[in-house]
């Protein structure tokens, strides 16, 4: 888990969120900017989730394949 928190993807997503939240709270009565900030937060998190999920799925598939090969070789 700590490795994922050190990844460039995670850091970029967190920085995007921090900047968007700061923008959200400093955009005094400018509704357009506030909406853009909220959309940015949502999109950044969705994209991070999809990318990290894809990477994790490939890692799991590789591990399952290796385990299946090991079991097959022992039979």
PDB file of N, CA and C in Angstrom:
ATOM      1  N   UNK A   1       0.827  -1.202   0.000  1.00  0.00           N
ATOM      2  CA  UNK A   1       0.000   0.000   0.000  1.00  0.00           C
ATOM      3  C   UNK A   1       0.866   1.260   0.000  1.00  0.00           C
ATOM      4  N   UNK A   2       1.936   1.240   0.795  1.00  0.00           N
ATOM      5  CA  UNK A   2       2.814   2.405   0.849  1.00  0.00           C
ATOM      6  C   UNK A   2       3.480   2.650  -0.491  1.00  0.00           C
ATOM      7  N   UNK A   3       3.747   1.564  -1.234  1.00  0.00           N
ATOM      8  CA  UNK A   3       4.356   1.705  -2.558  1.00  0.00           C
ATOM      9  C   UNK A   3       3.442   2.490  -3.494  1.00  0.00           C
ATOM     10  N   UNK A   4       2.144   2.229  -3.406  1.00  0.00           N
ATOM     11  CA  UNK A   4       1.190   2.933  -4.268  1.00  0.00           C
ATOM     12  C   UNK A   4       1.132   4.416  -3.918  1.00  0.00           C
ATOM     13  N   UNK A   5       1.319   4.746  -2.646  1.00  0.00           N
ATOM     14  CA  UNK A   5       1.276   6.145  -2.234  1.00  0.00           C
ATOM     15  C   UNK A   5       2.514   6.913  -2.688  1.00  0.00           C
ATOM     16  N   UNK A   6       3.563   6.194  -3.045  1.00  0.00           N
ATOM     17  CA  UNK A   6       4.780   6.827  -3.541  1.00  0.00           C
ATOM     18  C   UNK A   6       4.810   6.898  -5.065  1.00  0.00           C
ATOM     19  N   UNK A   7       3.791   6.343  -5.721  1.00  0.00           N
ATOM     20  CA  UNK A   7       3.795   6.308  -7.185  1.00  0.00           C
ATOM     21  C   UNK A   7       3.523   7.694  -7.758  1.00  0.00           C
ATOM     22  N   UNK A   8       4.051   7.909  -8.953  1.00  0.00           N
ATOM     23  CA  UNK A   8       3.837   9.200  -9.614  1.00  0.00           C
ATOM     24  C   UNK A   8       2.369   9.420  -9.935  1.00  0.00           C
ATOM     25  N   UNK A   9       1.653   8.344 -10.271  1.00  0.00           N
ATOM     26  CA  UNK A   9       0.223   8.477 -10.573  1.00  0.00           C
ATOM     27  C   UNK A   9      -0.531   8.985  -9.352  1.00  0.00           C
ATOM     28  N   UNK A  10      -0.246   8.397  -8.196  1.00  0.00           N
ATOM     29  CA  UNK A  10      -0.935   8.794  -6.969  1.00  0.00           C
ATOM     30  C   UNK A  10      -0.589  10.233  -6.601  1.00  0.00           C
ATOM     31  N   UNK A  11       0.684  10.574  -6.666  1.00  0.00           N
ATOM     32  CA  UNK A  11       1.120  11.931  -6.314  1.00  0.00           C
ATOM     33  C   UNK A  11       0.491  12.956  -7.261  1.00  0.00           C
ATOM     34  N   UNK A  12       0.452  12.640  -8.556  1.00  0.00           N
ATOM     35  CA  UNK A  12      -0.161  13.562  -9.523  1.00  0.00           C
ATOM     36  C   UNK A  12      -1.653  13.730  -9.239  1.00  0.00           C
ATOM     37  N   UNK A  13      -2.323  12.637  -8.900  1.00  0.00           N
ATOM     38  CA  UNK A  13      -3.755  12.714  -8.577  1.00  0.00           C
ATOM     39  C   UNK A  13      -3.977  13.545  -7.319  1.00  0.00           C
ATOM     40  N   UNK A  14      -3.154  13.338  -6.304  1.00  0.00           N
ATOM     41  CA  UNK A  14      -3.302  14.105  -5.059  1.00  0.00           C
ATOM     42  C   UNK A  14      -3.034  15.590  -5.287  1.00  0.00           C
ATOM     43  N   UNK A  15      -2.016  15.900  -6.082  1.00  0.00           N
ATOM     44  CA  UNK A  15      -1.729  17.313  -6.363  1.00  0.00           C
ATOM     45  C   UNK A  15      -2.881  17.952  -7.137  1.00  0.00           C
ATOM     46  N   UNK A  16      -3.444  17.208  -8.079  1.00  0.00           N
ATOM     47  CA  UNK A  16      -4.605  17.714  -8.821  1.00  0.00           C
ATOM     48  C   UNK A  16      -5.760  17.987  -7.873  1.00  0.00           C
ATOM     49  N   UNK A  17      -5.995  17.071  -6.944  1.00  0.00           N
ATOM     50  CA  UNK A  17      -7.080  17.253  -5.973  1.00  0.00           C
ATOM     51  C   UNK A  17      -6.827  18.455  -5.078  1.00  0.00           C
ATOM     52  N   UNK A  18      -5.603  18.606  -4.597  1.00  0.00           N
ATOM     53  CA  UNK A  18      -5.270  19.731  -3.717  1.00  0.00           C
ATOM     54  C   UNK A  18      -5.472  21.063  -4.440  1.00  0.00           C
ATOM     55  N   UNK A  19      -4.984  21.134  -5.676  1.00  0.00           N
ATOM     56  CA  UNK A  19      -5.130  22.375  -6.442  1.00  0.00           C
ATOM     57  C   UNK A  19      -6.605  22.654  -6.736  1.00  0.00           C
ATOM     58  N   UNK A  20      -7.361  21.601  -7.089  1.00  0.00           N
ATOM     59  CA  UNK A  20      -8.784  21.791  -7.390  1.00  0.00           C
ATOM     60  C   UNK A  20      -9.565  22.218  -6.145  1.00  0.00           C
ATOM     61  N   UNK A  21      -9.252  21.638  -4.994  1.00  0.00           N
ATOM     62  CA  UNK A  21      -9.935  22.017  -3.753  1.00  0.00           C
ATOM     63  C   UNK A  21      -9.577  23.456  -3.381  1.00  0.00           C
ATOM     64  N   UNK A  22      -8.300  23.817  -3.530  1.00  0.00           N
ATOM     65  CA  UNK A  22      -7.893  25.196  -3.246  1.00  0.00           C
ATOM     66  C   UNK A  22      -8.619  26.160  -4.177  1.00  0.00           C
ATOM     67  N   UNK A  23      -8.735  25.786  -5.433  1.00  0.00           N
ATOM     68  CA  UNK A  23      -9.457  26.620  -6.397  1.00  0.00           C
ATOM     69  C   UNK A  23     -10.932  26.717  -6.029  1.00  0.00           C
ATOM     70  N   UNK A  24     -11.493  25.597  -5.616  1.00  0.00           N
ATOM     71  CA  UNK A  24     -12.902  25.557  -5.241  1.00  0.00           C
ATOM     72  C   UNK A  24     -13.207  26.549  -4.120  1.00  0.00           C
ATOM     73  N   UNK A  25     -12.335  26.604  -3.132  1.00  0.00           N
ATOM     74  CA  UNK A  25     -12.588  27.473  -1.980  1.00  0.00           C
ATOM     75  C   UNK A  25     -12.153  28.916  -2.191  1.00  0.00           C
ATOM     76  N   UNK A  26     -11.318  29.167  -3.186  1.00  0.00           N
ATOM     77  CA  UNK A  26     -10.871  30.546  -3.415  1.00  0.00           C
ATOM     78  C   UNK A  26     -11.622  31.224  -4.553  1.00  0.00           C
ATOM     79  N   UNK A  27     -12.441  30.484  -5.269  1.00  0.00           N
ATOM     80  CA  UNK A  27     -13.222  31.076  -6.362  1.00  0.00           C
ATOM     81  C   UNK A  27     -14.466  31.736  -5.766  1.00  0.00           C
ATOM     82  N   UNK A  28     -14.291  32.923  -5.293  1.00  0.00           N
ATOM     83  CA  UNK A  28     -15.376  33.637  -4.614  1.00  0.00           C
ATOM     84  C   UNK A  28     -16.541  33.915  -5.560  1.00  0.00           C
ATOM     85  N   UNK A  29     -17.636  33.228  -5.310  1.00  0.00           N
ATOM     86  CA  UNK A  29     -18.887  33.426  -6.021  1.00  0.00           C
ATOM     87  C   UNK A  29     -18.785  33.230  -7.531  1.00  0.00           C
ATOM     88  N   UNK A  30     -17.735  32.615  -8.008  1.00  0.00           N
ATOM     89  CA  UNK A  30     -17.619  32.304  -9.430  1.00  0.00           C
ATOM     90  C   UNK A  30     -18.021  30.844  -9.607  1.00  0.00           C
ATOM     91  N   UNK A  31     -19.277  30.634  -9.907  1.00  0.00           N
ATOM     92  CA  UNK A  31     -19.855  29.294  -9.961  1.00  0.00           C
ATOM     93  C   UNK A  31     -19.198  28.452 -11.055  1.00  0.00           C
ATOM     94  N   UNK A  32     -18.860  29.061 -12.175  1.00  0.00           N
ATOM     95  CA  UNK A  32     -18.241  28.319 -13.274  1.00  0.00           C
ATOM     96  C   UNK A  32     -16.920  27.695 -12.834  1.00  0.00           C
ATOM     97  N   UNK A  33     -16.101  28.459 -12.162  1.00  0.00           N
ATOM     98  CA  UNK A  33     -14.809  27.952 -11.686  1.00  0.00           C
ATOM     99  C   UNK A  33     -15.022  26.853 -10.648  1.00  0.00           C
ATOM    100  N   UNK A  34     -15.999  27.030  -9.776  1.00  0.00           N
ATOM    101  CA  UNK A  34     -16.281  26.012  -8.762  1.00  0.00           C
ATOM    102  C   UNK A  34     -16.737  24.697  -9.404  1.00  0.00           C
ATOM    103  N   UNK A  35     -17.560  24.780 -10.428  1.00  0.00           N
ATOM    104  CA  UNK A  35     -18.018  23.571 -11.123  1.00  0.00           C
ATOM    105  C   UNK A  35     -16.835  22.891 -11.818  1.00  0.00           C
ATOM    106  N   UNK A  36     -15.992  23.680 -12.466  1.00  0.00           N
ATOM    107  CA  UNK A  36     -14.813  23.114 -13.135  1.00  0.00           C
ATOM    108  C   UNK A  36     -13.909  22.421 -12.122  1.00  0.00           C
ATOM    109  N   UNK A  37     -13.742  23.022 -10.946  1.00  0.00           N
ATOM    110  CA  UNK A  37     -12.907  22.411  -9.901  1.00  0.00           C
ATOM    111  C   UNK A  37     -13.506  21.079  -9.439  1.00  0.00           C
ATOM    112  N   UNK A  38     -14.805  21.030  -9.244  1.00  0.00           N
ATOM    113  CA  UNK A  38     -15.466  19.785  -8.828  1.00  0.00           C
ATOM    114  C   UNK A  38     -15.346  18.701  -9.896  1.00  0.00           C
ATOM    115  N   UNK A  39     -15.535  19.078 -11.148  1.00  0.00           N
ATOM    116  CA  UNK A  39     -15.407  18.119 -12.244  1.00  0.00           C
ATOM    117  C   UNK A  39     -13.972  17.603 -12.326  1.00  0.00           C
ATOM    118  N   UNK A  40     -13.011  18.488 -12.131  1.00  0.00           N
ATOM    119  CA  UNK A  40     -11.599  18.093 -12.163  1.00  0.00           C
ATOM    120  C   UNK A  40     -11.297  17.076 -11.074  1.00  0.00           C
ATOM    121  N   UNK A  41     -11.813  17.297  -9.878  1.00  0.00           N
ATOM    122  CA  UNK A  41     -11.609  16.343  -8.785  1.00  0.00           C
ATOM    123  C   UNK A  41     -12.189  14.982  -9.164  1.00  0.00           C
ATOM    124  N   UNK A  42     -13.405  14.987  -9.672  1.00  0.00           N
ATOM    125  CA  UNK A  42     -14.054  13.731 -10.048  1.00  0.00           C
ATOM    126  C   UNK A  42     -13.315  12.995 -11.144  1.00  0.00           C
ATOM    127  N   UNK A  43     -12.957  13.705 -12.196  1.00  0.00           N
ATOM    128  CA  UNK A  43     -12.273  13.070 -13.321  1.00  0.00           C
ATOM    129  C   UNK A  43     -10.908  12.534 -12.900  1.00  0.00           C
ATOM    130  N   UNK A  44     -10.161  13.304 -12.121  1.00  0.00           N
ATOM    131  CA  UNK A  44      -8.829  12.849 -11.689  1.00  0.00           C
ATOM    132  C   UNK A  44      -8.927  11.550 -10.898  1.00  0.00           C
ATOM    133  N   UNK A  45      -9.898  11.466 -10.011  1.00  0.00           N
ATOM    134  CA  UNK A  45     -10.049  10.261  -9.194  1.00  0.00           C
ATOM    135  C   UNK A  45     -10.558   9.070 -10.003  1.00  0.00           C
ATOM    136  N   UNK A  46     -11.451   9.313 -10.922  1.00  0.00           N
ATOM    137  CA  UNK A  46     -11.960   8.227 -11.763  1.00  0.00           C
ATOM    138  C   UNK A  46     -10.844   7.674 -12.651  1.00  0.00           C
ATOM    139  N   UNK A  47     -10.089   8.556 -13.277  1.00  0.00           N
ATOM    140  CA  UNK A  47      -8.991   8.111 -14.143  1.00  0.00           C
ATOM    141  C   UNK A  47      -7.947   7.352 -13.336  1.00  0.00           C
ATOM    142  N   UNK A  48      -7.596   7.859 -12.158  1.00  0.00           N
ATOM    143  CA  UNK A  48      -6.628   7.147 -11.311  1.00  0.00           C
ATOM    144  C   UNK A  48      -7.145   5.756 -10.952  1.00  0.00           C
ATOM    145  N   UNK A  49      -8.408   5.669 -10.585  1.00  0.00           N
ATOM    146  CA  UNK A  49      -8.991   4.374 -10.227  1.00  0.00           C
ATOM    147  C   UNK A  49      -8.966   3.393 -11.383  1.00  0.00           C
ATOM    148  N   UNK A  50      -9.288   3.859 -12.579  1.00  0.00           N
ATOM    149  CA  UNK A  50      -9.272   2.985 -13.753  1.00  0.00           C
ATOM    150  C   UNK A  50      -7.858   2.529 -14.074  1.00  0.00           C
ATOM    151  N   UNK A  51      -6.924   3.463 -14.085  1.00  0.00           N
ATOM    152  CA  UNK A  51      -5.536   3.110 -14.415  1.00  0.00           C
ATOM    153  C   UNK A  51      -4.954   2.163 -13.374  1.00  0.00           C
ATOM    154  N   UNK A  52      -5.117   2.472 -12.111  1.00  0.00           N
ATOM    155  CA  UNK A  52      -4.557   1.619 -11.056  1.00  0.00           C
ATOM    156  C   UNK A  52      -5.253   0.260 -11.041  1.00  0.00           C
ATOM    157  N   UNK A  53      -6.541   0.233 -11.294  1.00  0.00           N
ATOM    158  CA  UNK A  53      -7.265  -1.032 -11.362  1.00  0.00           C
ATOM    159  C   UNK A  53      -6.767  -1.906 -12.504  1.00  0.00           C
ATOM    160  N   UNK A  54      -6.496  -1.300 -13.649  1.00  0.00           N
ATOM    161  CA  UNK A  54      -5.968  -2.049 -14.791  1.00  0.00           C
ATOM    162  C   UNK A  54      -4.596  -2.619 -14.478  1.00  0.00           C
ATOM    163  N   UNK A  55      -3.756  -1.823 -13.859  1.00  0.00           N
ATOM    164  CA  UNK A  55      -2.409  -2.281 -13.497  1.00  0.00           C
ATOM    165  C   UNK A  55      -2.498  -3.425 -12.486  1.00  0.00           C
ATOM    166  N   UNK A  56      -3.342  -3.264 -11.482  1.00  0.00           N
ATOM    167  CA  UNK A  56      -3.509  -4.317 -10.470  1.00  0.00           C
ATOM    168  C   UNK A  56      -4.071  -5.595 -11.084  1.00  0.00           C
ATOM    169  N   UNK A  57      -5.017  -5.456 -12.007  1.00  0.00           N
ATOM    170  CA  UNK A  57      -5.612  -6.632 -12.653  1.00  0.00           C
ATOM    171  C   UNK A  57      -4.560  -7.401 -13.445  1.00  0.00           C
ATOM    172  N   UNK A  58      -3.686  -6.680 -14.146  1.00  0.00           N
ATOM    173  CA  UNK A  58      -2.624  -7.348 -14.906  1.00  0.00           C
ATOM    174  C   UNK A  58      -1.649  -8.051 -13.976  1.00  0.00           C
ATOM    175  N   UNK A  59      -1.333  -7.423 -12.850  1.00  0.00           N
ATOM    176  CA  UNK A  59      -0.421  -8.043 -11.879  1.00  0.00           C
ATOM    177  C   UNK A  59      -1.037  -9.311 -11.294  1.00  0.00           C
ATOM    178  N   UNK A  60      -2.315  -9.268 -10.994  1.00  0.00           N
ATOM    179  CA  UNK A  60      -3.002 -10.443 -10.451  1.00  0.00           C
ATOM    180  C   UNK A  60      -3.073 -11.547 -11.493  1.00  0.00           C
ATOM    181  N   UNK A  61      -3.375 -11.184 -12.742  1.00  0.00           N
ATOM    182  CA  UNK A  61      -3.451 -12.188 -13.809  1.00  0.00           C
ATOM    183  C   UNK A  61      -2.097 -12.866 -14.003  1.00  0.00           C
ATOM    184  N   UNK A  62      -1.029 -12.093 -13.929  1.00  0.00           N
ATOM    185  CA  UNK A  62       0.311 -12.658 -14.066  1.00  0.00           C
ATOM    186  C   UNK A  62       0.601 -13.618 -12.925  1.00  0.00           C
ATOM    187  N   UNK A  63       0.258 -13.238 -11.714  1.00  0.00           N
ATOM    188  CA  UNK A  63       0.498 -14.100 -10.552  1.00  0.00           C
ATOM    189  C   UNK A  63      -0.339 -15.372 -10.631  1.00  0.00           C
ATOM    190  N   UNK A  64      -1.585 -15.250 -11.049  1.00  0.00           N
ATOM    191  CA  UNK A  64      -2.451 -16.428 -11.185  1.00  0.00           C
ATOM    192  C   UNK A  64      -1.886 -17.374 -12.244  1.00  0.00           C
ATOM    193  N   UNK A  65      -1.410 -16.809 -13.327  1.00  0.00           N
ATOM    194  CA  UNK A  65      -0.828 -17.622 -14.394  1.00  0.00           C
ATOM    195  C   UNK A  65       0.416 -18.366 -13.908  1.00  0.00           C
ATOM    196  N   UNK A  66       1.271 -17.673 -13.163  1.00  0.00           N
ATOM    197  CA  UNK A  66       2.472 -18.312 -12.613  1.00  0.00           C
ATOM    198  C   UNK A  66       2.100 -19.437 -11.647  1.00  0.00           C
ATOM    199  N   UNK A  67       1.131 -19.174 -10.795  1.00  0.00           N
ATOM    200  CA  UNK A  67       0.700 -20.187  -9.833  1.00  0.00           C
ATOM    201  C   UNK A  67       0.104 -21.393 -10.550  1.00  0.00           C
ATOM    202  N   UNK A  68      -0.707 -21.146 -11.566  1.00  0.00           N
ATOM    203  CA  UNK A  68      -1.298 -22.244 -12.338  1.00  0.00           C
ATOM    204  C   UNK A  68      -0.214 -23.067 -13.032  1.00  0.00           C
ATOM    205  N   UNK A  69       0.799 -22.401 -13.568  1.00  0.00           N
ATOM    206  CA  UNK A  69       1.906 -23.113 -14.217  1.00  0.00           C
ATOM    207  C   UNK A  69       2.675 -23.969 -13.215  1.00  0.00           C
ATOM    208  N   UNK A  70       2.889 -23.438 -12.007  1.00  0.00           N
ATOM    209  CA  UNK A  70       3.595 -24.196 -10.972  1.00  0.00           C
ATOM    210  C   UNK A  70       2.788 -25.435 -10.560  1.00  0.00           C
ATOM    211  N   UNK A  71       1.485 -25.270 -10.400  1.00  0.00           N
ATOM    212  CA  UNK A  71       0.632 -26.388 -10.023  1.00  0.00           C
ATOM    213  C   UNK A  71       0.615 -27.439 -11.137  1.00  0.00           C
ATOM    214  N   UNK A  72       0.530 -26.977 -12.366  1.00  0.00           N
ATOM    215  CA  UNK A  72       0.502 -27.875 -13.509  1.00  0.00           C
ATOM    216  C   UNK A  72       1.800 -28.660 -13.639  1.00  0.00           C
ATOM    217  N   UNK A  73       2.920 -28.007 -13.368  1.00  0.00           N
ATOM    218  CA  UNK A  73       4.219 -28.691 -13.491  1.00  0.00           C
ATOM    219  C   UNK A  73       4.410 -29.748 -12.396  1.00  0.00           C
ATOM    220  N   UNK A  74       3.731 -29.588 -11.267  1.00  0.00           N
ATOM    221  CA  UNK A  74       3.846 -30.548 -10.180  1.00  0.00           C
ATOM    222  C   UNK A  74       2.928 -31.760 -10.354  1.00  0.00           C
ATOM    223  N   UNK A  75       1.984 -31.640 -11.263  1.00  0.00           N
ATOM    224  CA  UNK A  75       1.042 -32.765 -11.470  1.00  0.00           C
ATOM    225  C   UNK A  75       1.615 -33.814 -12.356  1.00  0.00           C
TER     226      UNK A  75
END
